[in-house]
Amino acid sequence: MMDLTRRGLLIGLGATGLVAGCSNGIGSGGAAEIDARADSTIQYMLQAYPGTQDLMNRSAGMLVMPVISELGLGFGGSYGRGALRIHQTTVDYYSAASASAGFQIGAQQFSHVLFFMTQDALGQFRTGYGWAAGADVEYAIAENGDMLRTDTTTSSAPVIAVVFAQSGLRVGATIEGTKYSRIIP
């Protein structure tokens, strides 16, 4: 029988992070995989939440994160890869990562799309060294499984996040504190 210690858990989480960070090989086919997942995520989002079509039409660009995997057992973290699209064309690829500590247990996966509603917000994201999502991101919340609620606050926000397709054993999904970094898949 194997004993799980804090040291073993931290080493395991660190090794997982290192392995995830090593999958940036040029010519590995990663870009095609990310693009295919992004296409599928957008199709699902538009079918499940038709109100996102308006956000998509009005945005200067959008970051599509098809799958974010999140794990927490005392210490926690999340990781995923996605595509930045401007006028439906992929222009860059990004990873999203976060870490947390405190009372937490469970795992989940979810998708999210960041809509950059102004050219300035999109420009700051693209030129910044590792953009971190914080209190400046407004959430568009799905109600009753099919309606997307936006209000005057979210409709005038420079960045709007739509989080959906949650599955797993953790309650709630948020992107606050998530750091986005440009990658070469």
C-alpha atoms as a PDB file:
ATOM      1  CA  MET A   1       0.000   0.000   0.000  1.00  0.00           C
ATOM      2  CA  MET A   2       1.288   3.456  -0.860  1.00  0.00           C
ATOM      3  CA  ASP A   3       1.209   6.293   1.702  1.00  0.00           C
ATOM      4  CA  LEU A   4       0.335   9.713   0.290  1.00  0.00           C
ATOM      5  CA  THR A   5       2.294  12.485   1.975  1.00  0.00           C
ATOM      6  CA  ARG A   6       2.322  16.227   1.407  1.00  0.00           C
ATOM      7  CA  ARG A   7       5.784  15.968  -0.113  1.00  0.00           C
ATOM      8  CA  GLY A   8       4.601  13.230  -2.487  1.00  0.00           C
ATOM      9  CA  LEU A   9       1.557  15.253  -3.461  1.00  0.00           C
ATOM     10  CA  LEU A  10       3.614  18.389  -4.140  1.00  0.00           C
ATOM     11  CA  ILE A  11       6.162  16.415  -6.164  1.00  0.00           C
ATOM     12  CA  GLY A  12       3.314  14.820  -8.140  1.00  0.00           C
ATOM     13  CA  LEU A  13       1.638  18.164  -8.849  1.00  0.00           C
ATOM     14  CA  GLY A  14       5.006  19.683  -9.817  1.00  0.00           C
ATOM     15  CA  ALA A  15       5.786  16.798 -12.158  1.00  0.00           C
ATOM     16  CA  THR A  16       2.364  17.150 -13.762  1.00  0.00           C
ATOM     17  CA  GLY A  17       3.060  20.841 -14.367  1.00  0.00           C
ATOM     18  CA  LEU A  18       6.441  20.073 -15.904  1.00  0.00           C
ATOM     19  CA  VAL A  19       4.966  17.447 -18.217  1.00  0.00           C
ATOM     20  CA  ALA A  20       2.177  19.826 -19.273  1.00  0.00           C
ATOM     21  CA  GLY A  21       4.732  22.556 -19.976  1.00  0.00           C
ATOM     22  CA  CYS A  22       6.835  20.241 -22.144  1.00  0.00           C
ATOM     23  CA  SER A  23       4.139  19.640 -24.739  1.00  0.00           C
ATOM     24  CA  ASN A  24       5.035  22.692 -26.813  1.00  0.00           C
ATOM     25  CA  GLY A  25       6.922  20.885 -29.576  1.00  0.00           C
ATOM     26  CA  ILE A  26       6.930  22.683 -32.904  1.00  0.00           C
ATOM     27  CA  GLY A  27       5.453  20.495 -35.616  1.00  0.00           C
ATOM     28  CA  SER A  28       3.768  18.192 -33.104  1.00  0.00           C
ATOM     29  CA  GLY A  29       0.259  18.605 -34.502  1.00  0.00           C
ATOM     30  CA  GLY A  30      -0.792  20.393 -31.325  1.00  0.00           C
ATOM     31  CA  ALA A  31      -2.075  23.420 -33.228  1.00  0.00           C
ATOM     32  CA  ALA A  32      -4.473  21.328 -35.322  1.00  0.00           C
ATOM     33  CA  GLU A  33      -5.746  19.594 -32.175  1.00  0.00           C
ATOM     34  CA  ILE A  34      -6.314  22.901 -30.362  1.00  0.00           C
ATOM     35  CA  ASP A  35      -8.078  24.385 -33.412  1.00  0.00           C
ATOM     36  CA  ALA A  36     -10.368  21.346 -33.758  1.00  0.00           C
ATOM     37  CA  ARG A  37     -11.273  21.501 -30.069  1.00  0.00           C
ATOM     38  CA  ALA A  38     -11.841  25.269 -30.303  1.00  0.00           C
ATOM     39  CA  ASP A  39     -14.187  24.786 -33.287  1.00  0.00           C
ATOM     40  CA  SER A  40     -16.146  22.149 -31.388  1.00  0.00           C
ATOM     41  CA  THR A  41     -16.320  24.334 -28.268  1.00  0.00           C
ATOM     42  CA  ILE A  42     -17.647  27.309 -30.229  1.00  0.00           C
ATOM     43  CA  GLN A  43     -20.302  25.144 -31.912  1.00  0.00           C
ATOM     44  CA  TYR A  44     -21.418  23.762 -28.538  1.00  0.00           C
ATOM     45  CA  MET A  45     -21.478  27.228 -26.955  1.00  0.00           C
ATOM     46  CA  LEU A  46     -23.570  28.701 -29.778  1.00  0.00           C
ATOM     47  CA  GLN A  47     -26.057  25.812 -29.629  1.00  0.00           C
ATOM     48  CA  ALA A  48     -26.369  25.751 -25.843  1.00  0.00           C
ATOM     49  CA  TYR A  49     -26.228  29.530 -25.318  1.00  0.00           C
ATOM     50  CA  PRO A  50     -27.523  31.351 -28.421  1.00  0.00           C
ATOM     51  CA  GLY A  51     -26.951  34.723 -26.708  1.00  0.00           C
ATOM     52  CA  THR A  52     -23.212  34.256 -27.180  1.00  0.00           C
ATOM     53  CA  GLN A  53     -23.634  34.849 -30.929  1.00  0.00           C
ATOM     54  CA  ASP A  54     -24.165  38.561 -30.198  1.00  0.00           C
ATOM     55  CA  LEU A  55     -21.059  38.670 -27.981  1.00  0.00           C
ATOM     56  CA  MET A  56     -19.056  36.928 -30.691  1.00  0.00           C
ATOM     57  CA  ASN A  57     -20.254  39.381 -33.360  1.00  0.00           C
ATOM     58  CA  ARG A  58     -19.453  42.450 -31.235  1.00  0.00           C
ATOM     59  CA  SER A  59     -16.079  41.294 -29.870  1.00  0.00           C
ATOM     60  CA  ALA A  60     -12.689  42.388 -31.190  1.00  0.00           C
ATOM     61  CA  GLY A  61     -11.430  38.867 -30.533  1.00  0.00           C
ATOM     62  CA  MET A  62     -11.996  35.852 -28.337  1.00  0.00           C
ATOM     63  CA  LEU A  63      -9.862  33.356 -26.487  1.00  0.00           C
ATOM     64  CA  VAL A  64     -11.403  29.891 -26.676  1.00  0.00           C
ATOM     65  CA  MET A  65     -10.275  27.489 -23.942  1.00  0.00           C
ATOM     66  CA  PRO A  66     -11.881  24.135 -24.859  1.00  0.00           C
ATOM     67  CA  VAL A  67     -10.879  22.185 -21.744  1.00  0.00           C
ATOM     68  CA  ILE A  68      -9.567  23.462 -18.436  1.00  0.00           C
ATOM     69  CA  SER A  69      -8.766  20.674 -15.982  1.00  0.00           C
ATOM     70  CA  GLU A  70      -8.815  21.665 -12.329  1.00  0.00           C
ATOM     71  CA  LEU A  71      -7.703  19.554  -9.355  1.00  0.00           C
ATOM     72  CA  GLY A  72      -7.672  20.409  -5.666  1.00  0.00           C
ATOM     73  CA  LEU A  73      -6.617  18.506  -2.568  1.00  0.00           C
ATOM     74  CA  GLY A  74      -5.416  21.113  -0.087  1.00  0.00           C
ATOM     75  CA  PHE A  75      -3.342  22.631  -2.864  1.00  0.00           C
ATOM     76  CA  GLY A  76      -4.911  22.971  -6.246  1.00  0.00           C
ATOM     77  CA  GLY A  77      -4.292  24.009  -9.780  1.00  0.00           C
ATOM     78  CA  SER A  78      -5.697  24.118 -13.268  1.00  0.00           C
ATOM     79  CA  TYR A  79      -4.311  23.944 -16.783  1.00  0.00           C
ATOM     80  CA  GLY A  80      -5.584  24.113 -20.341  1.00  0.00           C
ATOM     81  CA  ARG A  81      -4.650  25.256 -23.846  1.00  0.00           C
ATOM     82  CA  GLY A  82      -6.655  27.307 -26.297  1.00  0.00           C
ATOM     83  CA  ALA A  83      -6.761  29.534 -29.357  1.00  0.00           C
ATOM     84  CA  LEU A  84      -7.032  33.309 -29.717  1.00  0.00           C
ATOM     85  CA  ARG A  85      -9.318  34.101 -32.617  1.00  0.00           C
ATOM     86  CA  ILE A  86      -9.846  37.375 -34.406  1.00  0.00           C
ATOM     87  CA  HIS A  87     -12.622  37.384 -37.029  1.00  0.00           C
ATOM     88  CA  GLN A  88     -12.913  33.564 -36.726  1.00  0.00           C
ATOM     89  CA  THR A  89      -9.208  33.084 -37.557  1.00  0.00           C
ATOM     90  CA  THR A  90      -6.698  31.678 -35.063  1.00  0.00           C
ATOM     91  CA  VAL A  91      -3.854  34.164 -34.573  1.00  0.00           C
ATOM     92  CA  ASP A  92      -2.128  32.739 -31.455  1.00  0.00           C
ATOM     93  CA  TYR A  93      -2.247  29.901 -28.962  1.00  0.00           C
ATOM     94  CA  TYR A  94      -2.318  30.281 -25.189  1.00  0.00           C
ATOM     95  CA  SER A  95      -2.105  28.198 -22.063  1.00  0.00           C
ATOM     96  CA  ALA A  96      -4.107  28.974 -18.938  1.00  0.00           C
ATOM     97  CA  ALA A  97      -2.784  27.991 -15.526  1.00  0.00           C
ATOM     98  CA  SER A  98      -3.683  28.757 -11.937  1.00  0.00           C
ATOM     99  CA  ALA A  99      -2.697  27.597  -8.469  1.00  0.00           C
ATOM    100  CA  SER A 100      -4.537  27.805  -5.168  1.00  0.00           C
ATOM    101  CA  ALA A 101      -4.214  26.745  -1.561  1.00  0.00           C
ATOM    102  CA  GLY A 102      -6.768  26.267   1.179  1.00  0.00           C
ATOM    103  CA  PHE A 103      -9.581  23.922   2.010  1.00  0.00           C
ATOM    104  CA  GLN A 104     -10.459  22.263  -1.270  1.00  0.00           C
ATOM    105  CA  ILE A 105     -10.997  18.799  -2.598  1.00  0.00           C
ATOM    106  CA  GLY A 106     -12.187  17.544  -5.956  1.00  0.00           C
ATOM    107  CA  ALA A 107     -11.638  17.745  -9.678  1.00  0.00           C
ATOM    108  CA  GLN A 108     -13.522  19.201 -12.605  1.00  0.00           C
ATOM    109  CA  GLN A 109     -13.234  20.173 -16.220  1.00  0.00           C
ATOM    110  CA  PHE A 110     -14.890  23.095 -17.929  1.00  0.00           C
ATOM    111  CA  SER A 111     -14.690  25.292 -21.006  1.00  0.00           C
ATOM    112  CA  HIS A 112     -14.562  29.039 -21.201  1.00  0.00           C
ATOM    113  CA  VAL A 113     -14.381  31.793 -23.745  1.00  0.00           C
ATOM    114  CA  LEU A 114     -13.034  35.275 -23.071  1.00  0.00           C
ATOM    115  CA  PHE A 115     -14.622  37.901 -25.299  1.00  0.00           C
ATOM    116  CA  PHE A 116     -12.447  40.998 -25.743  1.00  0.00           C
ATOM    117  CA  MET A 117     -15.027  43.682 -26.369  1.00  0.00           C
ATOM    118  CA  THR A 118     -12.579  46.497 -27.230  1.00  0.00           C
ATOM    119  CA  GLN A 119      -9.464  46.716 -29.378  1.00  0.00           C
ATOM    120  CA  ASP A 120      -7.639  48.153 -26.353  1.00  0.00           C
ATOM    121  CA  ALA A 121      -8.468  45.121 -24.166  1.00  0.00           C
ATOM    122  CA  LEU A 122      -7.397  42.758 -26.964  1.00  0.00           C
ATOM    123  CA  GLY A 123      -4.174  44.716 -27.504  1.00  0.00           C
ATOM    124  CA  GLN A 124      -3.302  44.652 -23.797  1.00  0.00           C
ATOM    125  CA  PHE A 125      -3.865  40.902 -23.728  1.00  0.00           C
ATOM    126  CA  ARG A 126      -1.693  40.258 -26.782  1.00  0.00           C
ATOM    127  CA  THR A 127       1.195  42.529 -25.793  1.00  0.00           C
ATOM    128  CA  GLY A 128       1.252  41.756 -22.077  1.00  0.00           C
ATOM    129  CA  TYR A 129       3.720  39.282 -20.656  1.00  0.00           C
ATOM    130  CA  GLY A 130       1.429  36.679 -19.167  1.00  0.00           C
ATOM    131  CA  TRP A 131      -2.006  38.274 -18.742  1.00  0.00           C
ATOM    132  CA  ALA A 132      -3.796  37.397 -15.492  1.00  0.00           C
ATOM    133  CA  ALA A 133      -7.573  37.325 -15.213  1.00  0.00           C
ATOM    134  CA  GLY A 134      -8.774  39.310 -12.238  1.00  0.00           C
ATOM    135  CA  ALA A 135     -11.566  41.531 -11.038  1.00  0.00           C
ATOM    136  CA  ASP A 136     -11.643  43.355 -14.403  1.00  0.00           C
ATOM    137  CA  VAL A 137     -13.312  40.349 -16.057  1.00  0.00           C
ATOM    138  CA  GLU A 138     -17.114  40.299 -16.042  1.00  0.00           C
ATOM    139  CA  TYR A 139     -18.982  37.001 -16.215  1.00  0.00           C
ATOM    140  CA  ALA A 140     -21.974  36.328 -18.429  1.00  0.00           C
ATOM    141  CA  ILE A 141     -24.010  33.796 -16.482  1.00  0.00           C
ATOM    142  CA  ALA A 142     -26.190  31.067 -17.948  1.00  0.00           C
ATOM    143  CA  GLU A 143     -29.617  30.726 -16.361  1.00  0.00           C
ATOM    144  CA  ASN A 144     -32.043  27.832 -16.781  1.00  0.00           C
ATOM    145  CA  GLY A 145     -29.544  25.955 -18.925  1.00  0.00           C
ATOM    146  CA  ASP A 146     -30.198  27.892 -22.106  1.00  0.00           C
ATOM    147  CA  MET A 147     -30.511  31.626 -21.480  1.00  0.00           C
ATOM    148  CA  LEU A 148     -27.444  33.820 -21.177  1.00  0.00           C
ATOM    149  CA  ARG A 149     -27.901  36.756 -18.850  1.00  0.00           C
ATOM    150  CA  THR A 150     -26.009  39.928 -19.549  1.00  0.00           C
ATOM    151  CA  ASP A 151     -26.722  43.313 -18.109  1.00  0.00           C
ATOM    152  CA  THR A 152     -25.480  46.846 -18.627  1.00  0.00           C
ATOM    153  CA  THR A 153     -22.351  46.061 -16.582  1.00  0.00           C
ATOM    154  CA  THR A 154     -21.319  43.071 -18.645  1.00  0.00           C
ATOM    155  CA  SER A 155     -22.339  44.564 -21.960  1.00  0.00           C
ATOM    156  CA  SER A 156     -19.977  47.522 -21.397  1.00  0.00           C
ATOM    157  CA  ALA A 157     -17.095  45.523 -19.857  1.00  0.00           C
ATOM    158  CA  PRO A 158     -13.826  45.297 -21.817  1.00  0.00           C
ATOM    159  CA  VAL A 159     -13.554  41.515 -21.196  1.00  0.00           C
ATOM    160  CA  ILE A 160     -16.497  39.150 -20.741  1.00  0.00           C
ATOM    161  CA  ALA A 161     -16.024  35.518 -19.668  1.00  0.00           C
ATOM    162  CA  VAL A 162     -18.480  32.751 -20.428  1.00  0.00           C
ATOM    163  CA  VAL A 163     -17.815  29.581 -18.403  1.00  0.00           C
ATOM    164  CA  PHE A 164     -19.762  26.451 -19.390  1.00  0.00           C
ATOM    165  CA  ALA A 165     -19.741  22.653 -19.847  1.00  0.00           C
ATOM    166  CA  GLN A 166     -18.700  21.963 -16.270  1.00  0.00           C
ATOM    167  CA  SER A 167     -18.268  18.370 -15.169  1.00  0.00           C
ATOM    168  CA  GLY A 168     -16.666  16.856 -12.119  1.00  0.00           C
ATOM    169  CA  LEU A 169     -16.827  16.887  -8.358  1.00  0.00           C
ATOM    170  CA  ARG A 170     -15.941  20.501  -7.544  1.00  0.00           C
ATOM    171  CA  VAL A 171     -18.543  23.208  -7.143  1.00  0.00           C
ATOM    172  CA  GLY A 172     -18.280  26.305  -9.326  1.00  0.00           C
ATOM    173  CA  ALA A 173     -15.696  27.342 -11.846  1.00  0.00           C
ATOM    174  CA  THR A 174     -13.936  30.669 -11.998  1.00  0.00           C
ATOM    175  CA  ILE A 175     -11.086  32.049 -14.042  1.00  0.00           C
ATOM    176  CA  GLU A 176     -10.070  34.744 -11.550  1.00  0.00           C
ATOM    177  CA  GLY A 177      -6.373  34.361 -10.810  1.00  0.00           C
ATOM    178  CA  THR A 178      -5.726  32.419 -14.013  1.00  0.00           C
ATOM    179  CA  LYS A 179      -2.584  33.376 -15.910  1.00  0.00           C
ATOM    180  CA  TYR A 180      -2.618  33.184 -19.702  1.00  0.00           C
ATOM    181  CA  SER A 181       0.673  32.742 -21.557  1.00  0.00           C
ATOM    182  CA  ARG A 182       1.359  32.552 -25.275  1.00  0.00           C
ATOM    183  CA  ILE A 183       2.569  29.125 -26.412  1.00  0.00           C
ATOM    184  CA  ILE A 184       3.861  27.508 -29.586  1.00  0.00           C
ATOM    185  CA  PRO A 185       1.971  24.181 -29.926  1.00  0.00           C
END
